[in-house]
Protein backbone atom coordinates (compact mmCIF):
# COMPACT_ATOMS: atom_id res chain seq x y z
CA UNK A 1 0.00 0.00 0.00
CA UNK A 2 1.12 3.51 -0.75
CA UNK A 3 -0.34 6.43 1.22
CA UNK A 4 0.00 9.85 -0.35
CA UNK A 5 -0.51 13.29 1.11
CA UNK A 6 -2.00 14.95 -1.92
CA UNK A 7 -4.50 14.44 -4.70
CA UNK A 8 -4.90 11.16 -6.54
CA UNK A 9 -6.32 10.90 -10.04
CA UNK A 10 -7.47 8.09 -12.29
CA UNK A 11 -7.71 8.46 -16.03
CA UNK A 12 -9.76 6.56 -18.58
CA UNK A 13 -10.69 6.84 -22.20
CA UNK A 14 -14.23 8.01 -22.96
CA UNK A 15 -15.45 6.58 -26.27
CA UNK A 16 -18.34 9.06 -26.51
CA UNK A 17 -16.12 12.11 -26.26
CA UNK A 18 -13.16 10.37 -27.92
CA UNK A 19 -10.90 11.70 -25.22
CA UNK A 20 -9.31 11.04 -21.87
CA UNK A 21 -11.26 11.61 -18.67
CA UNK A 22 -9.56 12.49 -15.42
CA UNK A 23 -11.24 12.09 -12.05
CA UNK A 24 -10.12 12.81 -8.51
CA UNK A 25 -10.31 9.67 -6.30
CA UNK A 26 -9.48 8.81 -2.72
CA UNK A 27 -7.99 5.42 -3.57
CA UNK A 28 -6.95 3.38 -6.54
CA UNK A 29 -5.43 -0.02 -7.23
CA UNK A 30 -2.69 -0.76 -9.70
CA UNK A 31 -1.21 -4.13 -10.63
CA UNK A 32 2.57 -4.24 -10.47
CA UNK A 33 4.67 -6.86 -12.27
CA UNK A 34 7.80 -6.01 -10.34
CA UNK A 35 11.07 -4.59 -11.53
CA UNK A 36 11.64 -7.34 -14.08
CA UNK A 37 9.04 -9.32 -16.00
CA UNK A 38 10.78 -12.65 -15.40
CA UNK A 39 8.10 -14.12 -13.16
CA UNK A 40 4.35 -14.67 -13.40
CA UNK A 41 3.64 -12.54 -10.34
CA UNK A 42 1.30 -9.60 -10.54
CA UNK A 43 0.90 -7.80 -7.23
CA UNK A 44 -2.04 -5.52 -6.46
CA UNK A 45 -0.87 -2.24 -4.90
CA UNK A 46 -3.40 0.03 -3.26
CA UNK A 47 -2.73 3.76 -3.44
CA UNK A 48 -4.69 5.74 -0.85
CA UNK A 49 -4.84 9.41 0.01
CA UNK A 50 -4.25 10.30 3.63
CA UNK A 51 -7.82 11.68 3.80
CA UNK A 52 -9.23 8.29 2.68
CA UNK A 53 -6.86 6.17 4.75
CA UNK A 54 -9.13 5.51 7.76
CA UNK A 55 -12.09 4.49 5.57
CA UNK A 56 -9.79 2.25 3.54
CA UNK A 57 -8.28 0.66 6.65
CA UNK A 58 -11.76 -0.04 8.06
CA UNK A 59 -12.85 -1.65 4.77
CA UNK A 60 -9.71 -3.81 4.63
CA UNK A 61 -10.23 -4.93 8.24
CA UNK A 62 -13.84 -5.87 7.53
CA UNK A 63 -13.00 -7.71 4.31
CA UNK A 64 -10.07 -9.50 5.97
CA UNK A 65 -12.34 -10.82 8.72
CA UNK A 66 -14.75 -12.23 6.12
CA UNK A 67 -11.89 -13.73 4.11
CA UNK A 68 -10.31 -15.38 7.17
CA UNK A 69 -13.66 -16.87 8.21
CA UNK A 70 -14.07 -18.38 4.73
CA UNK A 71 -10.49 -19.65 4.78
CA UNK A 72 -11.08 -21.44 8.11
CA UNK A 73 -14.17 -23.18 6.70
CA UNK A 74 -12.35 -24.11 3.50
CA UNK A 75 -9.37 -25.49 5.43
CA UNK A 76 -11.74 -27.61 7.52
CA UNK A 77 -13.45 -28.96 4.39
CA UNK A 78 -10.12 -29.70 2.70
CA UNK A 79 -8.82 -31.55 5.77
CA UNK A 80 -11.99 -33.63 5.93
CA UNK A 81 -11.74 -34.52 2.25
CA UNK A 82 -8.05 -35.35 2.61
CA UNK A 83 -8.66 -37.55 5.66
CA UNK A 84 -11.50 -39.37 3.85
CA UNK A 85 -9.46 -39.88 0.65
CA UNK A 86 -12.25 -38.31 -1.36
CA UNK A 87 -13.31 -35.06 -2.91
CA UNK A 88 -17.03 -35.78 -2.98
CA UNK A 89 -17.64 -33.60 0.08
CA UNK A 90 -15.96 -30.58 -1.54
CA UNK A 91 -17.83 -27.99 -3.53
CA UNK A 92 -15.42 -27.07 -6.33
CA UNK A 93 -16.74 -24.35 -8.62
CA UNK A 94 -15.54 -23.99 -12.18
CA UNK A 95 -13.74 -20.70 -12.44
CA UNK A 96 -11.16 -19.05 -14.61
CA UNK A 97 -7.86 -19.25 -12.76
CA UNK A 98 -5.48 -18.44 -15.58
CA UNK A 99 -4.26 -22.02 -16.00
CA UNK A 100 -5.59 -25.38 -17.13
CA UNK A 101 -6.43 -28.20 -14.77
CA UNK A 102 -6.97 -28.40 -11.05
CA UNK A 103 -4.92 -26.41 -8.56
CA UNK A 104 -1.94 -28.36 -7.18
CA UNK A 105 -3.60 -29.32 -3.88
CA UNK A 106 -6.76 -30.66 -5.55
CA UNK A 107 -4.69 -32.49 -8.19
CA UNK A 108 -2.70 -34.16 -5.40
CA UNK A 109 -5.90 -35.15 -3.60
CA UNK A 110 -7.45 -36.55 -6.79
CA UNK A 111 -4.33 -38.65 -7.46
CA UNK A 112 -4.35 -39.84 -3.86
CA UNK A 113 -8.07 -40.74 -4.07
CA UNK A 114 -7.47 -42.72 -7.27
CA UNK A 115 -4.49 -44.54 -5.77
CA UNK A 116 -6.54 -45.47 -2.71
CA UNK A 117 -9.37 -46.69 -4.96
CA UNK A 118 -6.96 -48.78 -7.05
CA UNK A 119 -5.42 -50.29 -3.92
CA UNK A 120 -8.92 -51.18 -2.65
CA UNK A 121 -9.80 -52.75 -6.04
CA UNK A 122 -6.58 -54.77 -6.00
CA UNK A 123 -7.31 -55.93 -2.46
CA UNK A 124 -10.85 -57.04 -3.40
CA UNK A 125 -9.58 -58.85 -6.50
CA UNK A 126 -7.09 -60.90 -4.46
CA UNK A 127 -9.65 -62.12 -1.91
C-alpha atoms as a PDB file:
ATOM      1  CA  UNK A   1       0.000   0.000   0.000  1.00  0.00           C
ATOM      2  CA  UNK A   2       1.121   3.514  -0.746  1.00  0.00           C
ATOM      3  CA  UNK A   3      -0.343   6.434   1.224  1.00  0.00           C
ATOM      4  CA  UNK A   4       0.002   9.848  -0.346  1.00  0.00           C
ATOM      5  CA  UNK A   5      -0.507  13.291   1.112  1.00  0.00           C
ATOM      6  CA  UNK A   6      -1.997  14.946  -1.917  1.00  0.00           C
ATOM      7  CA  UNK A   7      -4.500  14.438  -4.699  1.00  0.00           C
ATOM      8  CA  UNK A   8      -4.896  11.158  -6.543  1.00  0.00           C
ATOM      9  CA  UNK A   9      -6.316  10.902 -10.037  1.00  0.00           C
ATOM     10  CA  UNK A  10      -7.468   8.087 -12.291  1.00  0.00           C
ATOM     11  CA  UNK A  11      -7.706   8.461 -16.032  1.00  0.00           C
ATOM     12  CA  UNK A  12      -9.761   6.564 -18.577  1.00  0.00           C
ATOM     13  CA  UNK A  13     -10.688   6.842 -22.197  1.00  0.00           C
ATOM     14  CA  UNK A  14     -14.229   8.010 -22.959  1.00  0.00           C
ATOM     15  CA  UNK A  15     -15.453   6.585 -26.268  1.00  0.00           C
ATOM     16  CA  UNK A  16     -18.342   9.058 -26.512  1.00  0.00           C
ATOM     17  CA  UNK A  17     -16.118  12.113 -26.262  1.00  0.00           C
ATOM     18  CA  UNK A  18     -13.161  10.375 -27.919  1.00  0.00           C
ATOM     19  CA  UNK A  19     -10.898  11.696 -25.219  1.00  0.00           C
ATOM     20  CA  UNK A  20      -9.309  11.045 -21.868  1.00  0.00           C
ATOM     21  CA  UNK A  21     -11.264  11.606 -18.674  1.00  0.00           C
ATOM     22  CA  UNK A  22      -9.563  12.485 -15.423  1.00  0.00           C
ATOM     23  CA  UNK A  23     -11.237  12.093 -12.052  1.00  0.00           C
ATOM     24  CA  UNK A  24     -10.122  12.807  -8.512  1.00  0.00           C
ATOM     25  CA  UNK A  25     -10.309   9.669  -6.302  1.00  0.00           C
ATOM     26  CA  UNK A  26      -9.483   8.806  -2.716  1.00  0.00           C
ATOM     27  CA  UNK A  27      -7.990   5.421  -3.568  1.00  0.00           C
ATOM     28  CA  UNK A  28      -6.951   3.376  -6.539  1.00  0.00           C
ATOM     29  CA  UNK A  29      -5.435  -0.022  -7.229  1.00  0.00           C
ATOM     30  CA  UNK A  30      -2.685  -0.762  -9.702  1.00  0.00           C
ATOM     31  CA  UNK A  31      -1.210  -4.133 -10.633  1.00  0.00           C
ATOM     32  CA  UNK A  32       2.574  -4.241 -10.473  1.00  0.00           C
ATOM     33  CA  UNK A  33       4.671  -6.858 -12.267  1.00  0.00           C
ATOM     34  CA  UNK A  34       7.801  -6.006 -10.342  1.00  0.00           C
ATOM     35  CA  UNK A  35      11.074  -4.585 -11.527  1.00  0.00           C
ATOM     36  CA  UNK A  36      11.637  -7.335 -14.080  1.00  0.00           C
ATOM     37  CA  UNK A  37       9.041  -9.317 -15.999  1.00  0.00           C
ATOM     38  CA  UNK A  38      10.780 -12.649 -15.398  1.00  0.00           C
ATOM     39  CA  UNK A  39       8.098 -14.124 -13.160  1.00  0.00           C
ATOM     40  CA  UNK A  40       4.347 -14.669 -13.403  1.00  0.00           C
ATOM     41  CA  UNK A  41       3.641 -12.544 -10.342  1.00  0.00           C
ATOM     42  CA  UNK A  42       1.295  -9.604 -10.537  1.00  0.00           C
ATOM     43  CA  UNK A  43       0.903  -7.798  -7.230  1.00  0.00           C
ATOM     44  CA  UNK A  44      -2.036  -5.516  -6.458  1.00  0.00           C
ATOM     45  CA  UNK A  45      -0.870  -2.243  -4.903  1.00  0.00           C
ATOM     46  CA  UNK A  46      -3.403   0.035  -3.262  1.00  0.00           C
ATOM     47  CA  UNK A  47      -2.728   3.762  -3.441  1.00  0.00           C
ATOM     48  CA  UNK A  48      -4.687   5.740  -0.854  1.00  0.00           C
ATOM     49  CA  UNK A  49      -4.836   9.405   0.015  1.00  0.00           C
ATOM     50  CA  UNK A  50      -4.251  10.295   3.632  1.00  0.00           C
ATOM     51  CA  UNK A  51      -7.816  11.675   3.797  1.00  0.00           C
ATOM     52  CA  UNK A  52      -9.229   8.291   2.676  1.00  0.00           C
ATOM     53  CA  UNK A  53      -6.859   6.170   4.747  1.00  0.00           C
ATOM     54  CA  UNK A  54      -9.133   5.510   7.759  1.00  0.00           C
ATOM     55  CA  UNK A  55     -12.091   4.488   5.568  1.00  0.00           C
ATOM     56  CA  UNK A  56      -9.792   2.249   3.538  1.00  0.00           C
ATOM     57  CA  UNK A  57      -8.278   0.659   6.655  1.00  0.00           C
ATOM     58  CA  UNK A  58     -11.760  -0.044   8.056  1.00  0.00           C
ATOM     59  CA  UNK A  59     -12.848  -1.652   4.773  1.00  0.00           C
ATOM     60  CA  UNK A  60      -9.708  -3.809   4.634  1.00  0.00           C
ATOM     61  CA  UNK A  61     -10.227  -4.928   8.245  1.00  0.00           C
ATOM     62  CA  UNK A  62     -13.842  -5.872   7.525  1.00  0.00           C
ATOM     63  CA  UNK A  63     -12.999  -7.711   4.306  1.00  0.00           C
ATOM     64  CA  UNK A  64     -10.068  -9.495   5.974  1.00  0.00           C
ATOM     65  CA  UNK A  65     -12.339 -10.818   8.721  1.00  0.00           C
ATOM     66  CA  UNK A  66     -14.748 -12.226   6.119  1.00  0.00           C
ATOM     67  CA  UNK A  67     -11.889 -13.729   4.115  1.00  0.00           C
ATOM     68  CA  UNK A  68     -10.313 -15.380   7.175  1.00  0.00           C
ATOM     69  CA  UNK A  69     -13.664 -16.873   8.209  1.00  0.00           C
ATOM     70  CA  UNK A  70     -14.070 -18.378   4.730  1.00  0.00           C
ATOM     71  CA  UNK A  71     -10.491 -19.650   4.783  1.00  0.00           C
ATOM     72  CA  UNK A  72     -11.079 -21.437   8.107  1.00  0.00           C
ATOM     73  CA  UNK A  73     -14.167 -23.176   6.699  1.00  0.00           C
ATOM     74  CA  UNK A  74     -12.348 -24.109   3.503  1.00  0.00           C
ATOM     75  CA  UNK A  75      -9.365 -25.487   5.434  1.00  0.00           C
ATOM     76  CA  UNK A  76     -11.740 -27.610   7.524  1.00  0.00           C
ATOM     77  CA  UNK A  77     -13.448 -28.956   4.392  1.00  0.00           C
ATOM     78  CA  UNK A  78     -10.118 -29.703   2.704  1.00  0.00           C
ATOM     79  CA  UNK A  79      -8.818 -31.549   5.765  1.00  0.00           C
ATOM     80  CA  UNK A  80     -11.990 -33.627   5.935  1.00  0.00           C
ATOM     81  CA  UNK A  81     -11.737 -34.519   2.249  1.00  0.00           C
ATOM     82  CA  UNK A  82      -8.048 -35.351   2.608  1.00  0.00           C
ATOM     83  CA  UNK A  83      -8.657 -37.545   5.660  1.00  0.00           C
ATOM     84  CA  UNK A  84     -11.498 -39.370   3.852  1.00  0.00           C
ATOM     85  CA  UNK A  85      -9.456 -39.880   0.654  1.00  0.00           C
ATOM     86  CA  UNK A  86     -12.248 -38.314  -1.361  1.00  0.00           C
ATOM     87  CA  UNK A  87     -13.306 -35.063  -2.915  1.00  0.00           C
ATOM     88  CA  UNK A  88     -17.029 -35.780  -2.977  1.00  0.00           C
ATOM     89  CA  UNK A  89     -17.641 -33.597   0.084  1.00  0.00           C
ATOM     90  CA  UNK A  90     -15.959 -30.581  -1.543  1.00  0.00           C
ATOM     91  CA  UNK A  91     -17.825 -27.993  -3.532  1.00  0.00           C
ATOM     92  CA  UNK A  92     -15.425 -27.069  -6.328  1.00  0.00           C
ATOM     93  CA  UNK A  93     -16.735 -24.353  -8.620  1.00  0.00           C
ATOM     94  CA  UNK A  94     -15.543 -23.990 -12.179  1.00  0.00           C
ATOM     95  CA  UNK A  95     -13.740 -20.701 -12.439  1.00  0.00           C
ATOM     96  CA  UNK A  96     -11.163 -19.052 -14.609  1.00  0.00           C
ATOM     97  CA  UNK A  97      -7.862 -19.250 -12.763  1.00  0.00           C
ATOM     98  CA  UNK A  98      -5.480 -18.444 -15.581  1.00  0.00           C
ATOM     99  CA  UNK A  99      -4.257 -22.018 -16.001  1.00  0.00           C
ATOM    100  CA  UNK A 100      -5.591 -25.379 -17.133  1.00  0.00           C
ATOM    101  CA  UNK A 101      -6.431 -28.205 -14.767  1.00  0.00           C
ATOM    102  CA  UNK A 102      -6.970 -28.405 -11.047  1.00  0.00           C
ATOM    103  CA  UNK A 103      -4.916 -26.412  -8.558  1.00  0.00           C
ATOM    104  CA  UNK A 104      -1.942 -28.359  -7.175  1.00  0.00           C
ATOM    105  CA  UNK A 105      -3.598 -29.321  -3.878  1.00  0.00           C
ATOM    106  CA  UNK A 106      -6.760 -30.662  -5.548  1.00  0.00           C
ATOM    107  CA  UNK A 107      -4.686 -32.492  -8.191  1.00  0.00           C
ATOM    108  CA  UNK A 108      -2.699 -34.155  -5.401  1.00  0.00           C
ATOM    109  CA  UNK A 109      -5.903 -35.146  -3.599  1.00  0.00           C
ATOM    110  CA  UNK A 110      -7.450 -36.554  -6.794  1.00  0.00           C
ATOM    111  CA  UNK A 111      -4.335 -38.651  -7.464  1.00  0.00           C
ATOM    112  CA  UNK A 112      -4.354 -39.843  -3.858  1.00  0.00           C
ATOM    113  CA  UNK A 113      -8.067 -40.741  -4.067  1.00  0.00           C
ATOM    114  CA  UNK A 114      -7.472 -42.715  -7.274  1.00  0.00           C
ATOM    115  CA  UNK A 115      -4.489 -44.537  -5.771  1.00  0.00           C
ATOM    116  CA  UNK A 116      -6.542 -45.473  -2.709  1.00  0.00           C
ATOM    117  CA  UNK A 117      -9.366 -46.686  -4.956  1.00  0.00           C
ATOM    118  CA  UNK A 118      -6.964 -48.777  -7.048  1.00  0.00           C
ATOM    119  CA  UNK A 119      -5.421 -50.288  -3.916  1.00  0.00           C
ATOM    120  CA  UNK A 120      -8.918 -51.178  -2.653  1.00  0.00           C
ATOM    121  CA  UNK A 121      -9.801 -52.751  -6.039  1.00  0.00           C
ATOM    122  CA  UNK A 122      -6.577 -54.766  -6.002  1.00  0.00           C
ATOM    123  CA  UNK A 123      -7.315 -55.929  -2.463  1.00  0.00           C
ATOM    124  CA  UNK A 124     -10.849 -57.037  -3.396  1.00  0.00           C
ATOM    125  CA  UNK A 125      -9.577 -58.848  -6.501  1.00  0.00           C
ATOM    126  CA  UNK A 126      -7.094 -60.897  -4.458  1.00  0.00           C
ATOM    127  CA  UNK A 127      -9.654 -62.125  -1.911  1.00  0.00           C
END
